PDB file of N, CA and C in Angstrom:
ATOM      1  N   UNK A   1     -28.418  27.572  52.341  1.00  0.00           N
ATOM      2  CA  UNK A   1     -28.422  26.692  53.527  1.00  0.00           C
ATOM      3  C   UNK A   1     -29.835  26.243  53.613  1.00  0.00           C
ATOM      4  N   UNK A   2     -29.907  25.057  54.113  1.00  0.00           N
ATOM      5  CA  UNK A   2     -31.204  24.212  54.440  1.00  0.00           C
ATOM      6  C   UNK A   2     -31.249  23.420  55.368  1.00  0.00           C
ATOM      7  N   UNK A   3     -32.528  23.303  55.886  1.00  0.00           N
ATOM      8  CA  UNK A   3     -32.756  22.747  57.244  1.00  0.00           C
ATOM      9  C   UNK A   3     -33.009  21.392  56.915  1.00  0.00           C
ATOM     10  N   UNK A   4     -33.039  20.478  58.203  1.00  0.00           N
ATOM     11  CA  UNK A   4     -33.780  19.358  58.115  1.00  0.00           C
ATOM     12  C   UNK A   4     -34.614  18.884  59.428  1.00  0.00           C
ATOM     13  N   UNK A   5     -35.305  17.912  59.572  1.00  0.00           N
ATOM     14  CA  UNK A   5     -36.312  17.627  60.759  1.00  0.00           C
ATOM     15  C   UNK A   5     -37.477  18.816  60.798  1.00  0.00           C
ATOM     16  N   UNK A   6     -37.936  19.045  59.711  1.00  0.00           N
ATOM     17  CA  UNK A   6     -39.082  20.053  59.663  1.00  0.00           C
ATOM     18  C   UNK A   6     -38.459  21.555  59.625  1.00  0.00           C
ATOM     19  N   UNK A   7     -37.405  21.602  59.707  1.00  0.00           N
ATOM     20  CA  UNK A   7     -37.109  23.151  59.457  1.00  0.00           C
ATOM     21  C   UNK A   7     -37.063  23.454  58.233  1.00  0.00           C
ATOM     22  N   UNK A   8     -37.582  24.541  57.885  1.00  0.00           N
ATOM     23  CA  UNK A   8     -37.820  24.807  56.423  1.00  0.00           C
ATOM     24  C   UNK A   8     -36.357  26.015  56.067  1.00  0.00           C
ATOM     25  N   UNK A   9     -36.208  26.490  55.021  1.00  0.00           N
ATOM     26  CA  UNK A   9     -35.137  26.957  54.342  1.00  0.00           C
ATOM     27  C   UNK A   9     -35.175  28.282  55.185  1.00  0.00           C
ATOM     28  N   UNK A  10     -36.293  29.008  55.268  1.00  0.00           N
ATOM     29  CA  UNK A  10     -36.163  30.184  55.666  1.00  0.00           C
ATOM     30  C   UNK A  10     -35.756  30.464  57.173  1.00  0.00           C
ATOM     31  N   UNK A  11     -36.227  29.356  57.984  1.00  0.00           N
ATOM     32  CA  UNK A  11     -35.546  29.447  59.428  1.00  0.00           C
ATOM     33  C   UNK A  11     -33.876  29.043  59.371  1.00  0.00           C
ATOM     34  N   UNK A  12     -33.721  28.322  58.527  1.00  0.00           N
ATOM     35  CA  UNK A  12     -32.154  27.913  58.613  1.00  0.00           C
ATOM     36  C   UNK A  12     -31.434  29.446  58.196  1.00  0.00           C
ATOM     37  N   UNK A  13     -32.063  29.959  56.914  1.00  0.00           N
ATOM     38  CA  UNK A  13     -31.510  31.211  56.702  1.00  0.00           C
ATOM     39  C   UNK A  13     -31.438  32.423  57.754  1.00  0.00           C
ATOM     40  N   UNK A  14     -32.555  32.427  58.318  1.00  0.00           N
ATOM     41  CA  UNK A  14     -32.631  33.457  59.331  1.00  0.00           C
ATOM     42  C   UNK A  14     -31.465  33.123  60.394  1.00  0.00           C
ATOM     43  N   UNK A  15     -31.315  31.747  60.907  1.00  0.00           N
ATOM     44  CA  UNK A  15     -30.305  31.600  61.983  1.00  0.00           C
ATOM     45  C   UNK A  15     -28.879  31.548  61.489  1.00  0.00           C
ATOM     46  N   UNK A  16     -28.593  31.395  60.397  1.00  0.00           N
ATOM     47  CA  UNK A  16     -27.368  31.988  59.608  1.00  0.00           C
ATOM     48  C   UNK A  16     -26.983  33.390  59.777  1.00  0.00           C
ATOM     49  N   UNK A  17     -28.000  34.163  59.265  1.00  0.00           N
ATOM     50  CA  UNK A  17     -27.882  35.621  59.442  1.00  0.00           C
ATOM     51  C   UNK A  17     -27.705  36.330  60.482  1.00  0.00           C
ATOM     52  N   UNK A  18     -28.700  35.648  61.622  1.00  0.00           N
ATOM     53  CA  UNK A  18     -28.383  35.990  62.801  1.00  0.00           C
ATOM     54  C   UNK A  18     -27.279  35.867  63.674  1.00  0.00           C
ATOM     55  N   UNK A  19     -26.587  34.575  63.253  1.00  0.00           N
ATOM     56  CA  UNK A  19     -25.294  34.183  63.898  1.00  0.00           C
ATOM     57  C   UNK A  19     -24.216  35.205  63.264  1.00  0.00           C
ATOM     58  N   UNK A  20     -24.159  35.654  62.055  1.00  0.00           N
ATOM     59  CA  UNK A  20     -23.228  36.331  61.386  1.00  0.00           C
ATOM     60  C   UNK A  20     -23.176  37.939  62.087  1.00  0.00           C
ATOM     61  N   UNK A  21     -24.531  38.219  62.622  1.00  0.00           N
ATOM     62  CA  UNK A  21     -24.574  39.461  62.877  1.00  0.00           C
ATOM     63  C   UNK A  21     -24.165  39.526  64.348  1.00  0.00           C
ATOM     64  N   UNK A  22     -24.373  38.322  65.040  1.00  0.00           N
ATOM     65  CA  UNK A  22     -23.432  38.538  66.500  1.00  0.00           C
ATOM     66  C   UNK A  22     -22.076  38.623  66.270  1.00  0.00           C
ATOM     67  N   UNK A  23     -21.197  38.677  65.272  1.00  0.00           N
ATOM     68  CA  UNK A  23     -19.902  38.925  65.298  1.00  0.00           C
ATOM     69  C   UNK A  23     -19.316  37.556  65.811  1.00  0.00           C
ATOM     70  N   UNK A  24     -18.009  38.012  66.358  1.00  0.00           N
ATOM     71  CA  UNK A  24     -17.267  36.990  67.058  1.00  0.00           C
ATOM     72  C   UNK A  24     -17.832  36.383  68.291  1.00  0.00           C
ATOM     73  N   UNK A  25     -18.085  37.234  69.143  1.00  0.00           N
ATOM     74  CA  UNK A  25     -18.711  36.827  70.461  1.00  0.00           C
ATOM     75  C   UNK A  25     -17.581  36.265  71.262  1.00  0.00           C
ATOM     76  N   UNK A  26     -18.281  35.922  72.561  1.00  0.00           N
ATOM     77  CA  UNK A  26     -17.116  35.155  73.624  1.00  0.00           C
ATOM     78  C   UNK A  26     -17.130  33.813  73.488  1.00  0.00           C
ATOM     79  N   UNK A  27     -16.220  33.266  73.340  1.00  0.00           N
ATOM     80  CA  UNK A  27     -16.001  31.635  73.248  1.00  0.00           C
ATOM     81  C   UNK A  27     -16.517  30.991  74.561  1.00  0.00           C
ATOM     82  N   UNK A  28     -17.495  29.942  74.449  1.00  0.00           N
ATOM     83  CA  UNK A  28     -17.976  29.142  75.600  1.00  0.00           C
ATOM     84  C   UNK A  28     -17.341  27.885  75.705  1.00  0.00           C
ATOM     85  N   UNK A  29     -17.158  27.418  74.317  1.00  0.00           N
ATOM     86  CA  UNK A  29     -16.537  25.916  74.417  1.00  0.00           C
ATOM     87  C   UNK A  29     -15.870  25.759  72.883  1.00  0.00           C
ATOM     88  N   UNK A  30     -15.143  25.078  72.889  1.00  0.00           N
ATOM     89  CA  UNK A  30     -14.481  24.961  71.550  1.00  0.00           C
ATOM     90  C   UNK A  30     -13.874  23.380  71.679  1.00  0.00           C
ATOM     91  N   UNK A  31     -13.932  22.709  70.310  1.00  0.00           N
ATOM     92  CA  UNK A  31     -13.351  21.461  69.823  1.00  0.00           C
ATOM     93  C   UNK A  31     -13.077  21.416  68.763  1.00  0.00           C
ATOM     94  N   UNK A  32     -12.150  20.494  68.325  1.00  0.00           N
ATOM     95  CA  UNK A  32     -11.881  20.011  67.000  1.00  0.00           C
ATOM     96  C   UNK A  32     -11.714  18.557  66.945  1.00  0.00           C
ATOM     97  N   UNK A  33     -11.707  18.134  65.585  1.00  0.00           N
ATOM     98  CA  UNK A  33     -11.521  16.919  65.376  1.00  0.00           C
ATOM     99  C   UNK A  33     -11.605  16.429  63.981  1.00  0.00           C
ATOM    100  N   UNK A  34     -11.609  15.009  63.441  1.00  0.00           N
ATOM    101  CA  UNK A  34     -11.756  14.847  62.103  1.00  0.00           C
ATOM    102  C   UNK A  34     -12.985  14.081  62.046  1.00  0.00           C
ATOM    103  N   UNK A  35     -13.855  14.592  61.153  1.00  0.00           N
ATOM    104  CA  UNK A  35     -15.085  14.056  60.853  1.00  0.00           C
ATOM    105  C   UNK A  35     -16.331  14.592  61.936  1.00  0.00           C
ATOM    106  N   UNK A  36     -15.947  14.893  63.006  1.00  0.00           N
ATOM    107  CA  UNK A  36     -16.934  15.624  63.844  1.00  0.00           C
ATOM    108  C   UNK A  36     -16.010  15.969  65.074  1.00  0.00           C
ATOM    109  N   UNK A  37     -16.882  16.908  65.847  1.00  0.00           N
ATOM    110  CA  UNK A  37     -16.480  17.697  67.045  1.00  0.00           C
ATOM    111  C   UNK A  37     -17.686  18.087  68.047  1.00  0.00           C
ATOM    112  N   UNK A  38     -17.687  17.577  69.260  1.00  0.00           N
ATOM    113  CA  UNK A  38     -18.893  17.945  70.067  1.00  0.00           C
ATOM    114  C   UNK A  38     -18.284  18.713  71.313  1.00  0.00           C
ATOM    115  N   UNK A  39     -19.184  19.578  72.024  1.00  0.00           N
ATOM    116  CA  UNK A  39     -18.952  20.447  72.944  1.00  0.00           C
ATOM    117  C   UNK A  39     -19.906  20.250  73.820  1.00  0.00           C
ATOM    118  N   UNK A  40     -19.999  20.576  75.220  1.00  0.00           N
ATOM    119  CA  UNK A  40     -21.159  20.308  76.071  1.00  0.00           C
ATOM    120  C   UNK A  40     -21.082  21.790  76.880  1.00  0.00           C
ATOM    121  N   UNK A  41     -22.128  22.523  77.105  1.00  0.00           N
ATOM    122  CA  UNK A  41     -22.392  23.736  77.615  1.00  0.00           C
ATOM    123  C   UNK A  41     -23.235  23.886  78.639  1.00  0.00           C
ATOM    124  N   UNK A  42     -23.352  24.610  79.682  1.00  0.00           N
ATOM    125  CA  UNK A  42     -23.990  24.814  80.902  1.00  0.00           C
ATOM    126  C   UNK A  42     -25.193  25.341  80.600  1.00  0.00           C
ATOM    127  N   UNK A  43     -26.282  24.940  79.928  1.00  0.00           N
ATOM    128  CA  UNK A  43     -27.548  25.537  79.803  1.00  0.00           C
ATOM    129  C   UNK A  43     -27.287  26.747  78.848  1.00  0.00           C
ATOM    130  N   UNK A  44     -26.895  27.070  77.867  1.00  0.00           N
ATOM    131  CA  UNK A  44     -26.725  28.159  77.084  1.00  0.00           C
ATOM    132  C   UNK A  44     -27.817  28.727  76.426  1.00  0.00           C
ATOM    133  N   UNK A  45     -28.417  29.905  76.652  1.00  0.00           N
ATOM    134  CA  UNK A  45     -29.335  30.517  76.005  1.00  0.00           C
ATOM    135  C   UNK A  45     -28.774  31.520  75.006  1.00  0.00           C
ATOM    136  N   UNK A  46     -29.450  31.508  73.955  1.00  0.00           N
ATOM    137  CA  UNK A  46     -28.844  32.291  72.910  1.00  0.00           C
ATOM    138  C   UNK A  46     -27.302  31.594  72.523  1.00  0.00           C
ATOM    139  N   UNK A  47     -26.545  32.743  71.689  1.00  0.00           N
ATOM    140  CA  UNK A  47     -25.391  32.308  71.112  1.00  0.00           C
ATOM    141  C   UNK A  47     -25.371  31.780  69.877  1.00  0.00           C
ATOM    142  N   UNK A  48     -24.284  31.208  69.322  1.00  0.00           N
ATOM    143  CA  UNK A  48     -24.334  30.690  67.774  1.00  0.00           C
ATOM    144  C   UNK A  48     -23.225  29.772  67.968  1.00  0.00           C
ATOM    145  N   UNK A  49     -23.059  28.962  67.038  1.00  0.00           N
ATOM    146  CA  UNK A  49     -22.234  27.809  66.612  1.00  0.00           C
ATOM    147  C   UNK A  49     -21.654  28.351  65.509  1.00  0.00           C
ATOM    148  N   UNK A  50     -20.138  28.166  65.541  1.00  0.00           N
ATOM    149  CA  UNK A  50     -19.242  28.476  64.010  1.00  0.00           C
ATOM    150  C   UNK A  50     -18.468  27.326  64.072  1.00  0.00           C
ATOM    151  N   UNK A  51     -18.408  26.669  62.954  1.00  0.00           N
ATOM    152  CA  UNK A  51     -17.768  25.443  62.468  1.00  0.00           C
ATOM    153  C   UNK A  51     -16.865  26.036  61.327  1.00  0.00           C
ATOM    154  N   UNK A  52     -15.592  25.791  61.346  1.00  0.00           N
ATOM    155  CA  UNK A  52     -14.683  26.107  60.285  1.00  0.00           C
ATOM    156  C   UNK A  52     -13.918  24.509  60.031  1.00  0.00           C
ATOM    157  N   UNK A  53     -14.080  24.223  58.657  1.00  0.00           N
ATOM    158  CA  UNK A  53     -13.573  23.207  57.848  1.00  0.00           C
ATOM    159  C   UNK A  53     -12.274  23.364  57.353  1.00  0.00           C
ATOM    160  N   UNK A  54     -11.550  22.550  57.184  1.00  0.00           N
ATOM    161  CA  UNK A  54     -10.119  22.561  56.762  1.00  0.00           C
ATOM    162  C   UNK A  54     -10.175  22.354  55.211  1.00  0.00           C
ATOM    163  N   UNK A  55     -11.196  21.540  54.656  1.00  0.00           N
ATOM    164  CA  UNK A  55     -11.071  21.380  53.121  1.00  0.00           C
ATOM    165  C   UNK A  55     -12.088  22.531  52.584  1.00  0.00           C
ATOM    166  N   UNK A  56     -11.781  23.426  51.743  1.00  0.00           N
ATOM    167  CA  UNK A  56     -12.269  24.205  51.222  1.00  0.00           C
ATOM    168  C   UNK A  56     -13.475  23.520  50.182  1.00  0.00           C
ATOM    169  N   UNK A  57     -13.216  22.675  49.872  1.00  0.00           N
ATOM    170  CA  UNK A  57     -14.353  21.943  48.879  1.00  0.00           C
ATOM    171  C   UNK A  57     -15.768  21.402  49.834  1.00  0.00           C
ATOM    172  N   UNK A  58     -15.605  21.488  51.226  1.00  0.00           N
ATOM    173  CA  UNK A  58     -16.812  21.306  51.822  1.00  0.00           C
ATOM    174  C   UNK A  58     -17.649  22.142  51.825  1.00  0.00           C
ATOM    175  N   UNK A  59     -18.885  21.957  51.338  1.00  0.00           N
ATOM    176  CA  UNK A  59     -20.045  22.895  51.100  1.00  0.00           C
ATOM    177  C   UNK A  59     -21.110  22.438  52.368  1.00  0.00           C
ATOM    178  N   UNK A  60     -21.331  21.512  53.028  1.00  0.00           N
ATOM    179  CA  UNK A  60     -22.261  21.287  53.998  1.00  0.00           C
ATOM    180  C   UNK A  60     -21.854  20.528  55.227  1.00  0.00           C
ATOM    181  N   UNK A  61     -22.248  21.292  56.333  1.00  0.00           N
ATOM    182  CA  UNK A  61     -21.850  20.507  57.506  1.00  0.00           C
ATOM    183  C   UNK A  61     -23.278  20.264  58.279  1.00  0.00           C
ATOM    184  N   UNK A  62     -23.218  19.335  59.103  1.00  0.00           N
ATOM    185  CA  UNK A  62     -24.480  19.079  60.092  1.00  0.00           C
ATOM    186  C   UNK A  62     -24.180  19.388  61.416  1.00  0.00           C
ATOM    187  N   UNK A  63     -25.325  20.089  62.003  1.00  0.00           N
ATOM    188  CA  UNK A  63     -25.109  20.428  63.501  1.00  0.00           C
ATOM    189  C   UNK A  63     -26.113  19.940  64.350  1.00  0.00           C
ATOM    190  N   UNK A  64     -25.848  19.246  65.183  1.00  0.00           N
ATOM    191  CA  UNK A  64     -27.115  18.779  66.068  1.00  0.00           C
ATOM    192  C   UNK A  64     -26.766  19.363  67.568  1.00  0.00           C
ATOM    193  N   UNK A  65     -27.852  20.045  67.835  1.00  0.00           N
ATOM    194  CA  UNK A  65     -28.208  20.955  69.174  1.00  0.00           C
ATOM    195  C   UNK A  65     -29.029  20.213  70.002  1.00  0.00           C
ATOM    196  N   UNK A  66     -28.483  20.111  71.117  1.00  0.00           N
ATOM    197  CA  UNK A  66     -29.179  19.466  72.120  1.00  0.00           C
ATOM    198  C   UNK A  66     -29.393  20.351  73.197  1.00  0.00           C
ATOM    199  N   UNK A  67     -30.847  20.518  73.642  1.00  0.00           N
ATOM    200  CA  UNK A  67     -31.365  21.360  74.592  1.00  0.00           C
ATOM    201  C   UNK A  67     -32.402  20.862  75.629  1.00  0.00           C
ATOM    202  N   UNK A  68     -32.989  21.301  76.414  1.00  0.00           N
ATOM    203  CA  UNK A  68     -34.244  21.019  77.266  1.00  0.00           C
ATOM    204  C   UNK A  68     -35.436  20.906  76.390  1.00  0.00           C
ATOM    205  N   UNK A  69     -35.179  21.154  75.216  1.00  0.00           N
ATOM    206  CA  UNK A  69     -36.339  20.932  74.408  1.00  0.00           C
ATOM    207  C   UNK A  69     -36.171  19.874  73.525  1.00  0.00           C
ATOM    208  N   UNK A  70     -35.005  18.873  73.632  1.00  0.00           N
ATOM    209  CA  UNK A  70     -34.726  17.970  72.809  1.00  0.00           C
ATOM    210  C   UNK A  70     -33.569  18.142  71.714  1.00  0.00           C
ATOM    211  N   UNK A  71     -33.363  17.359  70.760  1.00  0.00           N
ATOM    212  CA  UNK A  71     -32.383  17.549  69.938  1.00  0.00           C
ATOM    213  C   UNK A  71     -32.966  17.710  68.332  1.00  0.00           C
ATOM    214  N   UNK A  72     -32.249  18.793  68.104  1.00  0.00           N
ATOM    215  CA  UNK A  72     -32.691  19.273  66.676  1.00  0.00           C
ATOM    216  C   UNK A  72     -31.512  19.112  65.834  1.00  0.00           C
ATOM    217  N   UNK A  73     -31.458  18.789  64.446  1.00  0.00           N
ATOM    218  CA  UNK A  73     -30.538  18.748  63.403  1.00  0.00           C
ATOM    219  C   UNK A  73     -30.534  19.938  62.392  1.00  0.00           C
ATOM    220  N   UNK A  74     -29.402  20.566  62.175  1.00  0.00           N
ATOM    221  CA  UNK A  74     -29.638  21.196  60.878  1.00  0.00           C
ATOM    222  C   UNK A  74     -28.544  21.075  60.008  1.00  0.00           C
ATOM    223  N   UNK A  75     -28.699  21.043  58.777  1.00  0.00           N
ATOM    224  CA  UNK A  75     -27.568  20.843  57.571  1.00  0.00           C
ATOM    225  C   UNK A  75     -27.459  22.125  56.998  1.00  0.00           C
ATOM    226  N   UNK A  76     -26.308  22.469  57.084  1.00  0.00           N
ATOM    227  CA  UNK A  76     -26.026  24.192  56.720  1.00  0.00           C
ATOM    228  C   UNK A  76     -25.044  24.144  55.342  1.00  0.00           C
ATOM    229  N   UNK A  77     -25.205  24.610  54.470  1.00  0.00           N
ATOM    230  CA  UNK A  77     -24.815  24.620  53.135  1.00  0.00           C
ATOM    231  C   UNK A  77     -24.368  25.920  52.452  1.00  0.00           C
ATOM    232  N   UNK A  78     -23.294  26.175  52.249  1.00  0.00           N
ATOM    233  CA  UNK A  78     -22.580  27.475  51.970  1.00  0.00           C
ATOM    234  C   UNK A  78     -22.760  27.254  50.469  1.00  0.00           C
ATOM    235  N   UNK A  79     -23.141  28.679  49.763  1.00  0.00           N
ATOM    236  CA  UNK A  79     -23.155  29.014  48.381  1.00  0.00           C
ATOM    237  C   UNK A  79     -21.865  28.934  47.918  1.00  0.00           C
ATOM    238  N   UNK A  80     -21.403  28.635  46.976  1.00  0.00           N
ATOM    239  CA  UNK A  80     -19.932  28.895  46.302  1.00  0.00           C
ATOM    240  C   UNK A  80     -19.739  30.173  46.071  1.00  0.00           C
ATOM    241  N   UNK A  81     -20.776  31.099  46.122  1.00  0.00           N
ATOM    242  CA  UNK A  81     -20.591  32.856  46.075  1.00  0.00           C
ATOM    243  C   UNK A  81     -19.924  33.422  47.426  1.00  0.00           C
ATOM    244  N   UNK A  82     -20.063  32.439  48.408  1.00  0.00           N
ATOM    245  CA  UNK A  82     -19.711  33.091  49.744  1.00  0.00           C
ATOM    246  C   UNK A  82     -18.302  33.033  49.906  1.00  0.00           C
ATOM    247  N   UNK A  83     -17.823  34.046  50.372  1.00  0.00           N
ATOM    248  CA  UNK A  83     -16.448  34.405  50.585  1.00  0.00           C
ATOM    249  C   UNK A  83     -15.798  33.555  51.749  1.00  0.00           C
ATOM    250  N   UNK A  84     -16.525  33.201  52.441  1.00  0.00           N
ATOM    251  CA  UNK A  84     -16.118  32.596  53.597  1.00  0.00           C
ATOM    252  C   UNK A  84     -16.602  31.029  53.641  1.00  0.00           C
ATOM    253  N   UNK A  85     -16.303  30.473  52.453  1.00  0.00           N
ATOM    254  CA  UNK A  85     -16.875  29.082  52.310  1.00  0.00           C
ATOM    255  C   UNK A  85     -16.468  28.166  53.461  1.00  0.00           C
ATOM    256  N   UNK A  86     -15.255  28.073  54.091  1.00  0.00           N
ATOM    257  CA  UNK A  86     -14.777  27.439  54.820  1.00  0.00           C
ATOM    258  C   UNK A  86     -15.612  27.306  56.429  1.00  0.00           C
ATOM    259  N   UNK A  87     -16.318  28.408  56.674  1.00  0.00           N
ATOM    260  CA  UNK A  87     -16.730  28.771  57.780  1.00  0.00           C
ATOM    261  C   UNK A  87     -18.580  28.623  57.718  1.00  0.00           C
ATOM    262  N   UNK A  88     -18.992  27.982  58.709  1.00  0.00           N
ATOM    263  CA  UNK A  88     -20.522  27.869  58.647  1.00  0.00           C
ATOM    264  C   UNK A  88     -20.955  28.319  60.031  1.00  0.00           C
ATOM    265  N   UNK A  89     -22.180  28.882  59.959  1.00  0.00           N
ATOM    266  CA  UNK A  89     -22.883  29.475  61.256  1.00  0.00           C
ATOM    267  C   UNK A  89     -24.232  29.256  61.651  1.00  0.00           C
ATOM    268  N   UNK A  90     -24.461  28.974  62.870  1.00  0.00           N
ATOM    269  CA  UNK A  90     -25.911  28.791  63.372  1.00  0.00           C
ATOM    270  C   UNK A  90     -26.018  29.287  64.513  1.00  0.00           C
ATOM    271  N   UNK A  91     -27.124  30.060  64.331  1.00  0.00           N
ATOM    272  CA  UNK A  91     -27.801  30.772  65.725  1.00  0.00           C
ATOM    273  C   UNK A  91     -28.453  29.687  66.524  1.00  0.00           C
ATOM    274  N   UNK A  92     -28.008  29.835  67.603  1.00  0.00           N
ATOM    275  CA  UNK A  92     -28.760  28.929  68.933  1.00  0.00           C
ATOM    276  C   UNK A  92     -29.884  29.690  69.700  1.00  0.00           C
ATOM    277  N   UNK A  93     -30.424  30.676  69.403  1.00  0.00           N
ATOM    278  CA  UNK A  93     -31.242  31.267  69.952  1.00  0.00           C
ATOM    279  C   UNK A  93     -32.500  30.810  69.701  1.00  0.00           C
ATOM    280  N   UNK A  94     -33.526  30.895  70.696  1.00  0.00           N
ATOM    281  CA  UNK A  94     -34.986  30.223  70.656  1.00  0.00           C
ATOM    282  C   UNK A  94     -34.907  28.655  70.359  1.00  0.00           C
ATOM    283  N   UNK A  95     -33.867  27.963  70.866  1.00  0.00           N
ATOM    284  CA  UNK A  95     -33.710  26.468  70.789  1.00  0.00           C
ATOM    285  C   UNK A  95     -33.722  25.942  72.453  1.00  0.00           C
ATOM    286  N   UNK A  96     -33.915  26.898  73.430  1.00  0.00           N
ATOM    287  CA  UNK A  96     -34.072  26.535  74.618  1.00  0.00           C
ATOM    288  C   UNK A  96     -32.787  26.524  75.245  1.00  0.00           C
ATOM    289  N   UNK A  97     -32.571  25.917  76.391  1.00  0.00           N
ATOM    290  CA  UNK A  97     -31.425  25.877  77.149  1.00  0.00           C
ATOM    291  C   UNK A  97     -30.232  24.797  76.584  1.00  0.00           C
ATOM    292  N   UNK A  98     -29.482  25.231  75.970  1.00  0.00           N
ATOM    293  CA  UNK A  98     -28.560  24.228  74.916  1.00  0.00           C
ATOM    294  C   UNK A  98     -27.511  23.758  75.883  1.00  0.00           C
ATOM    295  N   UNK A  99     -27.464  22.359  76.039  1.00  0.00           N
ATOM    296  CA  UNK A  99     -26.464  21.689  76.631  1.00  0.00           C
ATOM    297  C   UNK A  99     -25.586  20.840  76.058  1.00  0.00           C
ATOM    298  N   UNK A 100     -25.716  20.750  74.686  1.00  0.00           N
ATOM    299  CA  UNK A 100     -24.412  20.046  73.782  1.00  0.00           C
ATOM    300  C   UNK A 100     -24.692  20.669  72.360  1.00  0.00           C
ATOM    301  N   UNK A 101     -23.683  20.639  71.892  1.00  0.00           N
ATOM    302  CA  UNK A 101     -23.580  21.097  70.133  1.00  0.00           C
ATOM    303  C   UNK A 101     -22.556  20.048  69.625  1.00  0.00           C
ATOM    304  N   UNK A 102     -22.767  19.380  68.501  1.00  0.00           N
ATOM    305  CA  UNK A 102     -21.967  18.637  67.884  1.00  0.00           C
ATOM    306  C   UNK A 102     -22.317  18.883  66.182  1.00  0.00           C
ATOM    307  N   UNK A 103     -21.067  19.096  65.448  1.00  0.00           N
ATOM    308  CA  UNK A 103     -20.683  19.601  64.223  1.00  0.00           C
ATOM    309  C   UNK A 103     -20.195  18.204  63.382  1.00  0.00           C
ATOM    310  N   UNK A 104     -20.663  17.865  62.144  1.00  0.00           N
ATOM    311  CA  UNK A 104     -20.042  16.833  61.414  1.00  0.00           C
ATOM    312  C   UNK A 104     -19.725  17.204  60.020  1.00  0.00           C
ATOM    313  N   UNK A 105     -18.713  17.079  59.559  1.00  0.00           N
ATOM    314  CA  UNK A 105     -18.288  17.434  58.305  1.00  0.00           C
ATOM    315  C   UNK A 105     -17.220  16.313  57.707  1.00  0.00           C
ATOM    316  N   UNK A 106     -16.791  16.325  56.555  1.00  0.00           N
ATOM    317  CA  UNK A 106     -15.673  15.418  55.917  1.00  0.00           C
ATOM    318  C   UNK A 106     -14.500  16.146  56.424  1.00  0.00           C
ATOM    319  N   UNK A 107     -13.278  15.403  56.868  1.00  0.00           N
ATOM    320  CA  UNK A 107     -12.124  16.060  57.203  1.00  0.00           C
ATOM    321  C   UNK A 107     -12.200  16.693  58.324  1.00  0.00           C
ATOM    322  N   UNK A 108     -11.264  17.484  58.461  1.00  0.00           N
ATOM    323  CA  UNK A 108     -10.768  18.270  59.898  1.00  0.00           C
ATOM    324  C   UNK A 108     -11.686  19.577  60.193  1.00  0.00           C
ATOM    325  N   UNK A 109     -12.304  19.757  61.273  1.00  0.00           N
ATOM    326  CA  UNK A 109     -13.021  20.692  61.359  1.00  0.00           C
ATOM    327  C   UNK A 109     -12.891  21.334  62.969  1.00  0.00           C
ATOM    328  N   UNK A 110     -13.355  22.578  63.194  1.00  0.00           N
ATOM    329  CA  UNK A 110     -13.084  23.493  64.556  1.00  0.00           C
ATOM    330  C   UNK A 110     -14.557  23.626  64.899  1.00  0.00           C
ATOM    331  N   UNK A 111     -15.188  23.468  65.916  1.00  0.00           N
ATOM    332  CA  UNK A 111     -16.449  23.799  66.422  1.00  0.00           C
ATOM    333  C   UNK A 111     -16.343  24.814  67.500  1.00  0.00           C
ATOM    334  N   UNK A 112     -16.710  26.121  67.471  1.00  0.00           N
ATOM    335  CA  UNK A 112     -16.429  27.154  68.513  1.00  0.00           C
ATOM    336  C   UNK A 112     -18.018  27.538  68.860  1.00  0.00           C
ATOM    337  N   UNK A 113     -18.572  27.339  70.041  1.00  0.00           N
ATOM    338  CA  UNK A 113     -19.714  28.017  70.757  1.00  0.00           C
ATOM    339  C   UNK A 113     -19.640  29.431  71.176  1.00  0.00           C
ATOM    340  N   UNK A 114     -20.083  30.485  70.766  1.00  0.00           N
ATOM    341  CA  UNK A 114     -19.731  31.527  71.448  1.00  0.00           C
ATOM    342  C   UNK A 114     -21.209  32.303  71.890  1.00  0.00           C
ATOM    343  N   UNK A 115     -21.085  33.080  72.732  1.00  0.00           N
ATOM    344  CA  UNK A 115     -22.242  33.927  73.224  1.00  0.00           C
ATOM    345  C   UNK A 115     -22.255  35.524  73.028  1.00  0.00           C
TER     346      UNK A 115
END
């Protein structure tokens, strides 16, 4: 997994592990679409974004997180060794009061923001 816009791989990897440790969590917002999906939330602090893609060949998704600190973009790439290749995770902790999350990937996808 790797990050963009100044994010280093260590930060992105930590965000993945932290999101996985949160477990299923309580769903705050959910959306689905083809190519992208976007949700708005009311100043969420913490939580995680879970993206499920329909195409098992998809290895990378892009997640944009908008908060009171601005917008950050993360590219999440799953290794072929991962048993959950169609699911991508991003911890939203330390990103401020999150107001919107958008995920993009080829084909159908479902975005679920949990707390």
